[in-house]
PDB file of all heavy atoms in Angstrom:
ATOM      1  N   PHE A   1     -55.820 -39.967 111.898  1.00  0.00           N
ATOM      2  CA  PHE A   1     -56.737 -40.582 110.942  1.00  0.00           C
ATOM      3  C   PHE A   1     -58.130 -39.964 110.990  1.00  0.00           C
ATOM      4  O   PHE A   1     -58.801 -39.862 109.959  1.00  0.00           O
ATOM      5  CB  PHE A   1     -56.791 -42.099 111.151  1.00  0.00           C
ATOM      6  CG  PHE A   1     -55.598 -42.798 110.565  1.00  0.00           C
ATOM      7  CD1 PHE A   1     -54.711 -43.483 111.382  1.00  0.00           C
ATOM      8  CD2 PHE A   1     -55.348 -42.764 109.194  1.00  0.00           C
ATOM      9  CE1 PHE A   1     -53.599 -44.111 110.834  1.00  0.00           C
ATOM     10  CE2 PHE A   1     -54.241 -43.388 108.646  1.00  0.00           C
ATOM     11  CZ  PHE A   1     -53.369 -44.067 109.476  1.00  0.00           C
ATOM     12  N   ASN A   2     -58.559 -39.527 112.176  1.00  0.00           N
ATOM     13  CA  ASN A   2     -59.860 -38.834 112.230  1.00  0.00           C
ATOM     14  C   ASN A   2     -59.807 -37.512 111.484  1.00  0.00           C
ATOM     15  O   ASN A   2     -60.774 -37.148 110.795  1.00  0.00           O
ATOM     16  CB  ASN A   2     -60.294 -38.631 113.677  1.00  0.00           C
ATOM     17  CG  ASN A   2     -60.831 -39.905 114.297  1.00  0.00           C
ATOM     18  OD1 ASN A   2     -61.178 -40.855 113.607  1.00  0.00           O
ATOM     19  ND2 ASN A   2     -60.890 -39.932 115.604  1.00  0.00           N
ATOM     20  N   SER A   3     -58.694 -36.799 111.590  1.00  0.00           N
ATOM     21  CA  SER A   3     -58.548 -35.547 110.833  1.00  0.00           C
ATOM     22  C   SER A   3     -58.562 -35.824 109.340  1.00  0.00           C
ATOM     23  O   SER A   3     -59.190 -35.087 108.572  1.00  0.00           O
ATOM     24  CB  SER A   3     -57.240 -34.845 111.206  1.00  0.00           C
ATOM     25  OG  SER A   3     -57.249 -34.438 112.533  1.00  0.00           O
ATOM     26  N   LEU A   4     -57.879 -36.850 108.937  1.00  0.00           N
ATOM     27  CA  LEU A   4     -57.851 -37.240 107.532  1.00  0.00           C
ATOM     28  C   LEU A   4     -59.252 -37.629 107.060  1.00  0.00           C
ATOM     29  O   LEU A   4     -59.680 -37.211 105.965  1.00  0.00           O
ATOM     30  CB  LEU A   4     -56.867 -38.379 107.322  1.00  0.00           C
ATOM     31  CG  LEU A   4     -56.507 -38.761 105.896  1.00  0.00           C
ATOM     32  CD1 LEU A   4     -56.047 -37.561 105.090  1.00  0.00           C
ATOM     33  CD2 LEU A   4     -55.405 -39.807 105.900  1.00  0.00           C
ATOM     34  N   LEU A   5     -59.984 -38.387 107.856  1.00  0.00           N
ATOM     35  CA  LEU A   5     -61.363 -38.752 107.504  1.00  0.00           C
ATOM     36  C   LEU A   5     -62.247 -37.521 107.390  1.00  0.00           C
ATOM     37  O   LEU A   5     -63.074 -37.428 106.470  1.00  0.00           O
ATOM     38  CB  LEU A   5     -61.952 -39.693 108.551  1.00  0.00           C
ATOM     39  CG  LEU A   5     -61.746 -41.182 108.342  1.00  0.00           C
ATOM     40  CD1 LEU A   5     -62.410 -41.972 109.464  1.00  0.00           C
ATOM     41  CD2 LEU A   5     -62.245 -41.644 106.999  1.00  0.00           C
ATOM     42  N   ASP A   6     -62.097 -36.584 108.332  1.00  0.00           N
ATOM     43  CA  ASP A   6     -62.878 -35.345 108.273  1.00  0.00           C
ATOM     44  C   ASP A   6     -62.627 -34.602 106.958  1.00  0.00           C
ATOM     45  O   ASP A   6     -63.541 -34.081 106.331  1.00  0.00           O
ATOM     46  CB  ASP A   6     -62.555 -34.428 109.456  1.00  0.00           C
ATOM     47  CG  ASP A   6     -63.094 -34.962 110.771  1.00  0.00           C
ATOM     48  OD1 ASP A   6     -63.948 -35.873 110.744  1.00  0.00           O
ATOM     49  OD2 ASP A   6     -62.649 -34.463 111.820  1.00  0.00           O
ATOM     50  N   GLU A   7     -61.364 -34.573 106.550  1.00  0.00           N
ATOM     51  CA  GLU A   7     -61.004 -33.902 105.307  1.00  0.00           C
ATOM     52  C   GLU A   7     -61.593 -34.622 104.103  1.00  0.00           C
ATOM     53  O   GLU A   7     -62.147 -34.002 103.198  1.00  0.00           O
ATOM     54  CB  GLU A   7     -59.481 -33.821 105.174  1.00  0.00           C
ATOM     55  CG  GLU A   7     -58.989 -32.955 104.051  1.00  0.00           C
ATOM     56  CD  GLU A   7     -59.333 -31.489 104.194  1.00  0.00           C
ATOM     57  OE1 GLU A   7     -59.397 -30.983 105.329  1.00  0.00           O
ATOM     58  OE2 GLU A   7     -59.551 -30.838 103.153  1.00  0.00           O
ATOM     59  N   ILE A   8     -61.504 -35.943 104.097  1.00  0.00           N
ATOM     60  CA  ILE A   8     -62.038 -36.729 102.984  1.00  0.00           C
ATOM     61  C   ILE A   8     -63.556 -36.566 102.870  1.00  0.00           C
ATOM     62  O   ILE A   8     -64.102 -36.573 101.781  1.00  0.00           O
ATOM     63  CB  ILE A   8     -61.667 -38.224 103.168  1.00  0.00           C
ATOM     64  CG1 ILE A   8     -60.182 -38.418 102.886  1.00  0.00           C
ATOM     65  CG2 ILE A   8     -62.482 -39.126 102.256  1.00  0.00           C
ATOM     66  CD1 ILE A   8     -59.680 -39.807 103.217  1.00  0.00           C
ATOM     67  N   LYS A   9     -64.200 -36.391 104.002  1.00  0.00           N
ATOM     68  CA  LYS A   9     -65.655 -36.288 104.003  1.00  0.00           C
ATOM     69  C   LYS A   9     -66.149 -34.831 103.904  1.00  0.00           C
ATOM     70  O   LYS A   9     -67.340 -34.576 103.959  1.00  0.00           O
ATOM     71  CB  LYS A   9     -66.211 -36.950 105.262  1.00  0.00           C
ATOM     72  CG  LYS A   9     -65.834 -38.433 105.296  1.00  0.00           C
ATOM     73  CD  LYS A   9     -66.730 -39.262 106.098  1.00  0.00           C
ATOM     74  CE  LYS A   9     -66.333 -40.711 106.162  1.00  0.00           C
ATOM     75  NZ  LYS A   9     -65.994 -41.362 104.951  1.00  0.00           N
ATOM     76  N   SER A  10     -65.222 -33.905 103.714  1.00  0.00           N
ATOM     77  CA  SER A  10     -65.612 -32.495 103.593  1.00  0.00           C
ATOM     78  C   SER A  10     -66.400 -32.264 102.318  1.00  0.00           C
ATOM     79  O   SER A  10     -66.292 -33.028 101.341  1.00  0.00           O
ATOM     80  CB  SER A  10     -64.375 -31.586 103.613  1.00  0.00           C
ATOM     81  OG  SER A  10     -63.651 -31.740 102.425  1.00  0.00           O
ATOM     82  N   SER A  11     -67.195 -31.219 102.306  1.00  0.00           N
ATOM     83  CA  SER A  11     -68.040 -30.931 101.134  1.00  0.00           C
ATOM     84  C   SER A  11     -67.196 -30.660  99.893  1.00  0.00           C
ATOM     85  O   SER A  11     -67.561 -31.056  98.783  1.00  0.00           O
ATOM     86  CB  SER A  11     -68.983 -29.771 101.423  1.00  0.00           C
ATOM     87  OG  SER A  11     -68.233 -28.605 101.713  1.00  0.00           O
ATOM     88  N   ARG A  12     -66.059 -30.019 100.070  1.00  0.00           N
ATOM     89  CA  ARG A  12     -65.175 -29.720  98.924  1.00  0.00           C
ATOM     90  C   ARG A  12     -64.720 -30.998  98.243  1.00  0.00           C
ATOM     91  O   ARG A  12     -64.780 -31.129  97.019  1.00  0.00           O
ATOM     92  CB  ARG A  12     -63.979 -28.905  99.447  1.00  0.00           C
ATOM     93  CG  ARG A  12     -62.930 -28.554  98.414  1.00  0.00           C
ATOM     94  CD  ARG A  12     -61.823 -27.715  99.058  1.00  0.00           C
ATOM     95  NE  ARG A  12     -61.111 -28.453 100.078  1.00  0.00           N
ATOM     96  CZ  ARG A  12     -59.903 -28.992  99.901  1.00  0.00           C
ATOM     97  NH1 ARG A  12     -59.274 -28.846  98.762  1.00  0.00           N
ATOM     98  NH2 ARG A  12     -59.313 -29.648 100.869  1.00  0.00           N
ATOM     99  N   VAL A  13     -64.272 -31.959  99.035  1.00  0.00           N
ATOM    100  CA  VAL A  13     -63.794 -33.225  98.466  1.00  0.00           C
ATOM    101  C   VAL A  13     -64.965 -33.990  97.865  1.00  0.00           C
ATOM    102  O   VAL A  13     -64.853 -34.553  96.770  1.00  0.00           O
ATOM    103  CB  VAL A  13     -63.062 -34.069  99.533  1.00  0.00           C
ATOM    104  CG1 VAL A  13     -62.741 -35.450  99.027  1.00  0.00           C
ATOM    105  CG2 VAL A  13     -61.795 -33.355  99.999  1.00  0.00           C
ATOM    106  N   LYS A  14     -66.104 -34.001  98.555  1.00  0.00           N
ATOM    107  CA  LYS A  14     -67.273 -34.710  98.034  1.00  0.00           C
ATOM    108  C   LYS A  14     -67.710 -34.164  96.678  1.00  0.00           C
ATOM    109  O   LYS A  14     -68.102 -34.925  95.797  1.00  0.00           O
ATOM    110  CB  LYS A  14     -68.430 -34.641  99.034  1.00  0.00           C
ATOM    111  CG  LYS A  14     -68.269 -35.579 100.205  1.00  0.00           C
ATOM    112  CD  LYS A  14     -69.487 -35.504 101.107  1.00  0.00           C
ATOM    113  CE  LYS A  14     -69.375 -36.508 102.234  1.00  0.00           C
ATOM    114  NZ  LYS A  14     -70.535 -36.476 103.119  1.00  0.00           N
ATOM    115  N   LYS A  15     -67.634 -32.843  96.517  1.00  0.00           N
ATOM    116  CA  LYS A  15     -68.015 -32.231  95.232  1.00  0.00           C
ATOM    117  C   LYS A  15     -67.086 -32.717  94.110  1.00  0.00           C
ATOM    118  O   LYS A  15     -67.531 -33.070  93.022  1.00  0.00           O
ATOM    119  CB  LYS A  15     -67.973 -30.708  95.324  1.00  0.00           C
ATOM    120  CG  LYS A  15     -69.125 -30.114  96.094  1.00  0.00           C
ATOM    121  CD  LYS A  15     -68.974 -28.614  96.227  1.00  0.00           C
ATOM    122  CE  LYS A  15     -70.009 -28.057  97.186  1.00  0.00           C
ATOM    123  NZ  LYS A  15     -69.778 -26.659  97.525  1.00  0.00           N
ATOM    124  N   ILE A  16     -65.799 -32.702  94.405  1.00  0.00           N
ATOM    125  CA  ILE A  16     -64.823 -33.135  93.391  1.00  0.00           C
ATOM    126  C   ILE A  16     -65.053 -34.597  93.030  1.00  0.00           C
ATOM    127  O   ILE A  16     -65.059 -34.960  91.844  1.00  0.00           O
ATOM    128  CB  ILE A  16     -63.380 -32.891  93.895  1.00  0.00           C
ATOM    129  CG1 ILE A  16     -63.107 -31.379  93.965  1.00  0.00           C
ATOM    130  CG2 ILE A  16     -62.358 -33.591  93.004  1.00  0.00           C
ATOM    131  CD1 ILE A  16     -61.809 -31.004  94.613  1.00  0.00           C
ATOM    132  N   ILE A  17     -65.272 -35.432  94.019  1.00  0.00           N
ATOM    133  CA  ILE A  17     -65.501 -36.867  93.775  1.00  0.00           C
ATOM    134  C   ILE A  17     -66.785 -37.071  92.960  1.00  0.00           C
ATOM    135  O   ILE A  17     -66.811 -37.872  92.031  1.00  0.00           O
ATOM    136  CB  ILE A  17     -65.532 -37.662  95.095  1.00  0.00           C
ATOM    137  CG1 ILE A  17     -64.196 -37.558  95.819  1.00  0.00           C
ATOM    138  CG2 ILE A  17     -65.930 -39.109  94.864  1.00  0.00           C
ATOM    139  CD1 ILE A  17     -62.982 -38.012  95.048  1.00  0.00           C
ATOM    140  N   SER A  18     -67.823 -36.330  93.292  1.00  0.00           N
ATOM    141  CA  SER A  18     -69.070 -36.504  92.540  1.00  0.00           C
ATOM    142  C   SER A  18     -68.930 -36.042  91.082  1.00  0.00           C
ATOM    143  O   SER A  18     -69.484 -36.662  90.176  1.00  0.00           O
ATOM    144  CB  SER A  18     -70.241 -35.798  93.232  1.00  0.00           C
ATOM    145  OG  SER A  18     -70.027 -34.416  93.283  1.00  0.00           O
ATOM    146  N   ILE A  19     -68.148 -35.005  90.842  1.00  0.00           N
ATOM    147  CA  ILE A  19     -67.889 -34.557  89.459  1.00  0.00           C
ATOM    148  C   ILE A  19     -67.149 -35.658  88.713  1.00  0.00           C
ATOM    149  O   ILE A  19     -67.474 -35.986  87.561  1.00  0.00           O
ATOM    150  CB  ILE A  19     -67.098 -33.229  89.432  1.00  0.00           C
ATOM    151  CG1 ILE A  19     -67.967 -32.087  89.939  1.00  0.00           C
ATOM    152  CG2 ILE A  19     -66.581 -32.936  88.026  1.00  0.00           C
ATOM    153  CD1 ILE A  19     -67.212 -30.795  90.223  1.00  0.00           C
ATOM    154  N   LEU A  20     -66.150 -36.239  89.364  1.00  0.00           N
ATOM    155  CA  LEU A  20     -65.383 -37.315  88.723  1.00  0.00           C
ATOM    156  C   LEU A  20     -66.225 -38.583  88.532  1.00  0.00           C
ATOM    157  O   LEU A  20     -66.013 -39.323  87.563  1.00  0.00           O
ATOM    158  CB  LEU A  20     -64.114 -37.605  89.522  1.00  0.00           C
ATOM    159  CG  LEU A  20     -63.062 -36.493  89.495  1.00  0.00           C
ATOM    160  CD1 LEU A  20     -61.872 -36.848  90.385  1.00  0.00           C
ATOM    161  CD2 LEU A  20     -62.605 -36.190  88.088  1.00  0.00           C
ATOM    162  N   GLN A  21     -67.157 -38.822  89.423  1.00  0.00           N
ATOM    163  CA  GLN A  21     -68.057 -39.963  89.256  1.00  0.00           C
ATOM    164  C   GLN A  21     -68.937 -39.748  88.008  1.00  0.00           C
ATOM    165  O   GLN A  21     -69.123 -40.673  87.219  1.00  0.00           O
ATOM    166  CB  GLN A  21     -68.951 -40.153  90.479  1.00  0.00           C
ATOM    167  CG  GLN A  21     -68.231 -40.798  91.626  1.00  0.00           C
ATOM    168  CD  GLN A  21     -69.054 -40.814  92.905  1.00  0.00           C
ATOM    169  OE1 GLN A  21     -69.933 -39.989  93.121  1.00  0.00           O
ATOM    170  NE2 GLN A  21     -68.755 -41.785  93.780  1.00  0.00           N
ATOM    171  N   ALA A  22     -69.434 -38.544  87.858  1.00  0.00           N
ATOM    172  CA  ALA A  22     -70.262 -38.229  86.684  1.00  0.00           C
ATOM    173  C   ALA A  22     -69.457 -38.382  85.398  1.00  0.00           C
ATOM    174  O   ALA A  22     -69.996 -38.791  84.374  1.00  0.00           O
ATOM    175  CB  ALA A  22     -70.825 -36.830  86.807  1.00  0.00           C
ATOM    176  N   ALA A  23     -68.162 -38.066  85.479  1.00  0.00           N
ATOM    177  CA  ALA A  23     -67.291 -38.172  84.298  1.00  0.00           C
ATOM    178  C   ALA A  23     -66.732 -39.591  84.138  1.00  0.00           C
ATOM    179  O   ALA A  23     -65.983 -39.847  83.193  1.00  0.00           O
ATOM    180  CB  ALA A  23     -66.137 -37.174  84.423  1.00  0.00           C
ATOM    181  N   ARG A  24     -67.094 -40.494  85.066  1.00  0.00           N
ATOM    182  CA  ARG A  24     -66.614 -41.881  85.043  1.00  0.00           C
ATOM    183  C   ARG A  24     -65.078 -41.959  85.020  1.00  0.00           C
ATOM    184  O   ARG A  24     -64.483 -42.688  84.225  1.00  0.00           O
ATOM    185  CB  ARG A  24     -67.207 -42.660  83.870  1.00  0.00           C
ATOM    186  CG  ARG A  24     -68.711 -42.725  83.905  1.00  0.00           C
ATOM    187  CD  ARG A  24     -69.207 -43.692  82.835  1.00  0.00           C
ATOM    188  NE  ARG A  24     -70.640 -43.620  82.629  1.00  0.00           N
ATOM    189  CZ  ARG A  24     -71.557 -44.218  83.391  1.00  0.00           C
ATOM    190  NH1 ARG A  24     -71.179 -44.902  84.426  1.00  0.00           N
ATOM    191  NH2 ARG A  24     -72.830 -44.122  83.101  1.00  0.00           N
ATOM    192  N   SER A  25     -64.480 -41.190  85.910  1.00  0.00           N
ATOM    193  CA  SER A  25     -63.015 -41.123  85.973  1.00  0.00           C
ATOM    194  C   SER A  25     -62.430 -42.423  86.528  1.00  0.00           C
ATOM    195  O   SER A  25     -62.958 -43.023  87.449  1.00  0.00           O
ATOM    196  CB  SER A  25     -62.595 -39.954  86.873  1.00  0.00           C
ATOM    197  OG  SER A  25     -61.219 -39.994  87.107  1.00  0.00           O
ATOM    198  N   LYS A  26     -61.294 -42.811  85.957  1.00  0.00           N
ATOM    199  CA  LYS A  26     -60.597 -44.012  86.410  1.00  0.00           C
ATOM    200  C   LYS A  26     -59.794 -43.753  87.703  1.00  0.00           C
ATOM    201  O   LYS A  26     -59.311 -44.692  88.309  1.00  0.00           O
ATOM    202  CB  LYS A  26     -59.670 -44.519  85.313  1.00  0.00           C
ATOM    203  CG  LYS A  26     -60.430 -45.050  84.101  1.00  0.00           C
ATOM    204  CD  LYS A  26     -59.476 -45.724  83.140  1.00  0.00           C
ATOM    205  CE  LYS A  26     -60.078 -46.134  81.844  1.00  0.00           C
ATOM    206  NZ  LYS A  26     -61.385 -46.695  81.831  1.00  0.00           N
ATOM    207  N   THR A  27     -59.649 -42.493  88.092  1.00  0.00           N
ATOM    208  CA  THR A  27     -58.887 -42.189  89.319  1.00  0.00           C
ATOM    209  C   THR A  27     -59.697 -42.545  90.573  1.00  0.00           C
ATOM    210  O   THR A  27     -59.140 -42.556  91.674  1.00  0.00           O
ATOM    211  CB  THR A  27     -58.507 -40.696  89.391  1.00  0.00           C
ATOM    212  OG1 THR A  27     -59.704 -39.910  89.349  1.00  0.00           O
ATOM    213  CG2 THR A  27     -57.576 -40.307  88.264  1.00  0.00           C
ATOM    214  N   LEU A  28     -60.969 -42.830  90.410  1.00  0.00           N
ATOM    215  CA  LEU A  28     -61.814 -43.085  91.586  1.00  0.00           C
ATOM    216  C   LEU A  28     -61.599 -44.468  92.201  1.00  0.00           C
ATOM    217  O   LEU A  28     -61.795 -44.637  93.401  1.00  0.00           O
ATOM    218  CB  LEU A  28     -63.288 -42.902  91.231  1.00  0.00           C
ATOM    219  CG  LEU A  28     -63.690 -41.453  90.961  1.00  0.00           C
ATOM    220  CD1 LEU A  28     -65.160 -41.359  90.656  1.00  0.00           C
ATOM    221  CD2 LEU A  28     -63.341 -40.557  92.142  1.00  0.00           C
ATOM    222  N   LYS A  29     -61.179 -45.441  91.401  1.00  0.00           N
ATOM    223  CA  LYS A  29     -60.975 -46.789  91.953  1.00  0.00           C
ATOM    224  C   LYS A  29     -59.895 -46.774  93.049  1.00  0.00           C
ATOM    225  O   LYS A  29     -60.145 -47.246  94.164  1.00  0.00           O
ATOM    226  CB  LYS A  29     -60.644 -47.784  90.852  1.00  0.00           C
ATOM    227  CG  LYS A  29     -60.580 -49.204  91.347  1.00  0.00           C
ATOM    228  CD  LYS A  29     -60.328 -50.190  90.248  1.00  0.00           C
ATOM    229  CE  LYS A  29     -60.252 -51.586  90.859  1.00  0.00           C
ATOM    230  NZ  LYS A  29     -59.884 -52.583  89.872  1.00  0.00           N
ATOM    231  N   PRO A  30     -58.689 -46.230  92.759  1.00  0.00           N
ATOM    232  CA  PRO A  30     -57.696 -46.180  93.842  1.00  0.00           C
ATOM    233  C   PRO A  30     -58.132 -45.267  94.995  1.00  0.00           C
ATOM    234  O   PRO A  30     -57.817 -45.514  96.162  1.00  0.00           O
ATOM    235  CB  PRO A  30     -56.433 -45.638  93.174  1.00  0.00           C
ATOM    236  CG  PRO A  30     -56.764 -45.306  91.771  1.00  0.00           C
ATOM    237  CD  PRO A  30     -58.144 -45.772  91.487  1.00  0.00           C
ATOM    238  N   TRP A  31     -58.869 -44.224  94.674  1.00  0.00           N
ATOM    239  CA  TRP A  31     -59.367 -43.305  95.707  1.00  0.00           C
ATOM    240  C   TRP A  31     -60.283 -44.035  96.672  1.00  0.00           C
ATOM    241  O   TRP A  31     -60.148 -43.925  97.895  1.00  0.00           O
ATOM    242  CB  TRP A  31     -60.094 -42.120  95.061  1.00  0.00           C
ATOM    243  CG  TRP A  31     -60.750 -41.248  96.068  1.00  0.00           C
ATOM    244  CD1 TRP A  31     -62.069 -41.226  96.412  1.00  0.00           C
ATOM    245  CD2 TRP A  31     -60.121 -40.280  96.921  1.00  0.00           C
ATOM    246  NE1 TRP A  31     -62.298 -40.306  97.400  1.00  0.00           N
ATOM    247  CE2 TRP A  31     -61.113 -39.718  97.728  1.00  0.00           C
ATOM    248  CE3 TRP A  31     -58.808 -39.847  97.054  1.00  0.00           C
ATOM    249  CZ2 TRP A  31     -60.837 -38.734  98.661  1.00  0.00           C
ATOM    250  CZ3 TRP A  31     -58.531 -38.861  97.996  1.00  0.00           C
ATOM    251  CH2 TRP A  31     -59.542 -38.317  98.774  1.00  0.00           C
ATOM    252  N   LYS A  32     -61.228 -44.807  96.142  1.00  0.00           N
ATOM    253  CA  LYS A  32     -62.180 -45.542  96.988  1.00  0.00           C
ATOM    254  C   LYS A  32     -61.453 -46.584  97.837  1.00  0.00           C
ATOM    255  O   LYS A  32     -61.800 -46.795  99.001  1.00  0.00           O
ATOM    256  CB  LYS A  32     -63.256 -46.198  96.142  1.00  0.00           C
ATOM    257  CG  LYS A  32     -64.249 -45.199  95.590  1.00  0.00           C
ATOM    258  CD  LYS A  32     -65.319 -45.866  94.744  1.00  0.00           C
ATOM    259  CE  LYS A  32     -66.271 -44.810  94.187  1.00  0.00           C
ATOM    260  NZ  LYS A  32     -67.242 -45.386  93.263  1.00  0.00           N
ATOM    261  N   GLU A  33     -60.438 -47.227  97.274  1.00  0.00           N
ATOM    262  CA  GLU A  33     -59.667 -48.216  98.018  1.00  0.00           C
ATOM    263  C   GLU A  33     -58.953 -47.540  99.187  1.00  0.00           C
ATOM    264  O   GLU A  33     -58.978 -48.038 100.318  1.00  0.00           O
ATOM    265  CB  GLU A  33     -58.664 -48.889  97.066  1.00  0.00           C
ATOM    266  CG  GLU A  33     -57.848 -50.002  97.695  1.00  0.00           C
ATOM    267  CD  GLU A  33     -56.415 -49.582  97.984  1.00  0.00           C
ATOM    268  OE1 GLU A  33     -55.901 -48.698  97.273  1.00  0.00           O
ATOM    269  OE2 GLU A  33     -55.824 -50.106  98.931  1.00  0.00           O
ATOM    270  N   LEU A  34     -58.356 -46.387  98.953  1.00  0.00           N
ATOM    271  CA  LEU A  34     -57.669 -45.657 100.029  1.00  0.00           C
ATOM    272  C   LEU A  34     -58.655 -45.139 101.065  1.00  0.00           C
ATOM    273  O   LEU A  34     -58.348 -45.154 102.261  1.00  0.00           O
ATOM    274  CB  LEU A  34     -56.860 -44.499  99.448  1.00  0.00           C
ATOM    275  CG  LEU A  34     -55.572 -44.884  98.763  1.00  0.00           C
ATOM    276  CD1 LEU A  34     -54.900 -43.664  98.144  1.00  0.00           C
ATOM    277  CD2 LEU A  34     -54.610 -45.558  99.724  1.00  0.00           C
ATOM    278  N   ASP A  35     -59.795 -44.687 100.616  1.00  0.00           N
ATOM    279  CA  ASP A  35     -60.836 -44.206 101.536  1.00  0.00           C
ATOM    280  C   ASP A  35     -61.207 -45.349 102.496  1.00  0.00           C
ATOM    281  O   ASP A  35     -61.316 -45.143 103.714  1.00  0.00           O
ATOM    282  CB  ASP A  35     -62.054 -43.744 100.744  1.00  0.00           C
ATOM    283  CG  ASP A  35     -63.121 -43.087 101.601  1.00  0.00           C
ATOM    284  OD1 ASP A  35     -62.875 -42.853 102.804  1.00  0.00           O
ATOM    285  OD2 ASP A  35     -64.208 -42.795 101.071  1.00  0.00           O
ATOM    286  N   GLY A  36     -61.344 -46.548 101.980  1.00  0.00           N
ATOM    287  CA  GLY A  36     -61.656 -47.703 102.817  1.00  0.00           C
ATOM    288  C   GLY A  36     -60.539 -48.017 103.792  1.00  0.00           C
ATOM    289  O   GLY A  36     -60.791 -48.326 104.957  1.00  0.00           O
ATOM    290  N   ARG A  37     -59.293 -47.938 103.311  1.00  0.00           N
ATOM    291  CA  ARG A  37     -58.144 -48.230 104.195  1.00  0.00           C
ATOM    292  C   ARG A  37     -58.034 -47.186 105.308  1.00  0.00           C
ATOM    293  O   ARG A  37     -57.695 -47.536 106.450  1.00  0.00           O
ATOM    294  CB  ARG A  37     -56.854 -48.271 103.376  1.00  0.00           C
ATOM    295  CG  ARG A  37     -56.756 -49.556 102.537  1.00  0.00           C
ATOM    296  CD  ARG A  37     -55.511 -49.595 101.685  1.00  0.00           C
ATOM    297  NE  ARG A  37     -54.291 -49.516 102.466  1.00  0.00           N
ATOM    298  CZ  ARG A  37     -53.101 -49.229 101.969  1.00  0.00           C
ATOM    299  NH1 ARG A  37     -52.957 -49.009 100.671  1.00  0.00           N
ATOM    300  NH2 ARG A  37     -52.036 -49.172 102.756  1.00  0.00           N
ATOM    301  N   ILE A  38     -58.296 -45.933 104.981  1.00  0.00           N
ATOM    302  CA  ILE A  38     -58.259 -44.874 106.007  1.00  0.00           C
ATOM    303  C   ILE A  38     -59.351 -45.116 107.051  1.00  0.00           C
ATOM    304  O   ILE A  38     -59.128 -44.980 108.253  1.00  0.00           O
ATOM    305  CB  ILE A  38     -58.429 -43.473 105.365  1.00  0.00           C
ATOM    306  CG1 ILE A  38     -57.199 -43.114 104.527  1.00  0.00           C
ATOM    307  CG2 ILE A  38     -58.715 -42.408 106.411  1.00  0.00           C
ATOM    308  CD1 ILE A  38     -55.938 -42.917 105.314  1.00  0.00           C
ATOM    309  N   THR A  39     -60.520 -45.491 106.594  1.00  0.00           N
ATOM    310  CA  THR A  39     -61.622 -45.770 107.515  1.00  0.00           C
ATOM    311  C   THR A  39     -61.272 -46.922 108.450  1.00  0.00           C
ATOM    312  O   THR A  39     -61.495 -46.839 109.664  1.00  0.00           O
ATOM    313  CB  THR A  39     -62.922 -46.087 106.725  1.00  0.00           C
ATOM    314  OG1 THR A  39     -63.228 -44.956 105.896  1.00  0.00           O
ATOM    315  CG2 THR A  39     -64.089 -46.368 107.652  1.00  0.00           C
ATOM    316  N   ILE A  40     -60.681 -47.974 107.909  1.00  0.00           N
ATOM    317  CA  ILE A  40     -60.275 -49.114 108.728  1.00  0.00           C
ATOM    318  C   ILE A  40     -59.212 -48.683 109.737  1.00  0.00           C
ATOM    319  O   ILE A  40     -59.272 -49.037 110.922  1.00  0.00           O
ATOM    320  CB  ILE A  40     -59.770 -50.270 107.849  1.00  0.00           C
ATOM    321  CG1 ILE A  40     -60.947 -50.901 107.102  1.00  0.00           C
ATOM    322  CG2 ILE A  40     -59.035 -51.327 108.677  1.00  0.00           C
ATOM    323  CD1 ILE A  40     -60.539 -51.851 105.992  1.00  0.00           C
ATOM    324  N   ALA A  41     -58.216 -47.914 109.294  1.00  0.00           N
ATOM    325  CA  ALA A  41     -57.148 -47.453 110.195  1.00  0.00           C
ATOM    326  C   ALA A  41     -57.714 -46.564 111.304  1.00  0.00           C
ATOM    327  O   ALA A  41     -57.292 -46.680 112.468  1.00  0.00           O
ATOM    328  CB  ALA A  41     -56.077 -46.710 109.408  1.00  0.00           C
ATOM    329  N   ALA A  42     -58.654 -45.686 110.973  1.00  0.00           N
ATOM    330  CA  ALA A  42     -59.274 -44.822 111.978  1.00  0.00           C
ATOM    331  C   ALA A  42     -60.070 -45.657 112.982  1.00  0.00           C
ATOM    332  O   ALA A  42     -60.007 -45.418 114.189  1.00  0.00           O
ATOM    333  CB  ALA A  42     -60.167 -43.790 111.305  1.00  0.00           C
ATOM    334  N   ASN A  43     -60.802 -46.653 112.495  1.00  0.00           N
ATOM    335  CA  ASN A  43     -61.575 -47.520 113.377  1.00  0.00           C
ATOM    336  C   ASN A  43     -60.662 -48.333 114.289  1.00  0.00           C
ATOM    337  O   ASN A  43     -60.948 -48.515 115.478  1.00  0.00           O
ATOM    338  CB  ASN A  43     -62.482 -48.459 112.569  1.00  0.00           C
ATOM    339  CG  ASN A  43     -63.641 -47.731 111.937  1.00  0.00           C
ATOM    340  OD1 ASN A  43     -64.012 -46.635 112.343  1.00  0.00           O
ATOM    341  ND2 ASN A  43     -64.220 -48.334 110.903  1.00  0.00           N
TER     342      ASN A  43
END
């Protein structure tokens, strides 16, 4: 889970997410939910 978190927090992923945020993409809602679940599992 720490490896997965490192990947999610990488600059490459952050750039893609920020582009999709600017475009108001609907794919971000499930993404944010999974990001939270991964963080909880890692903790």
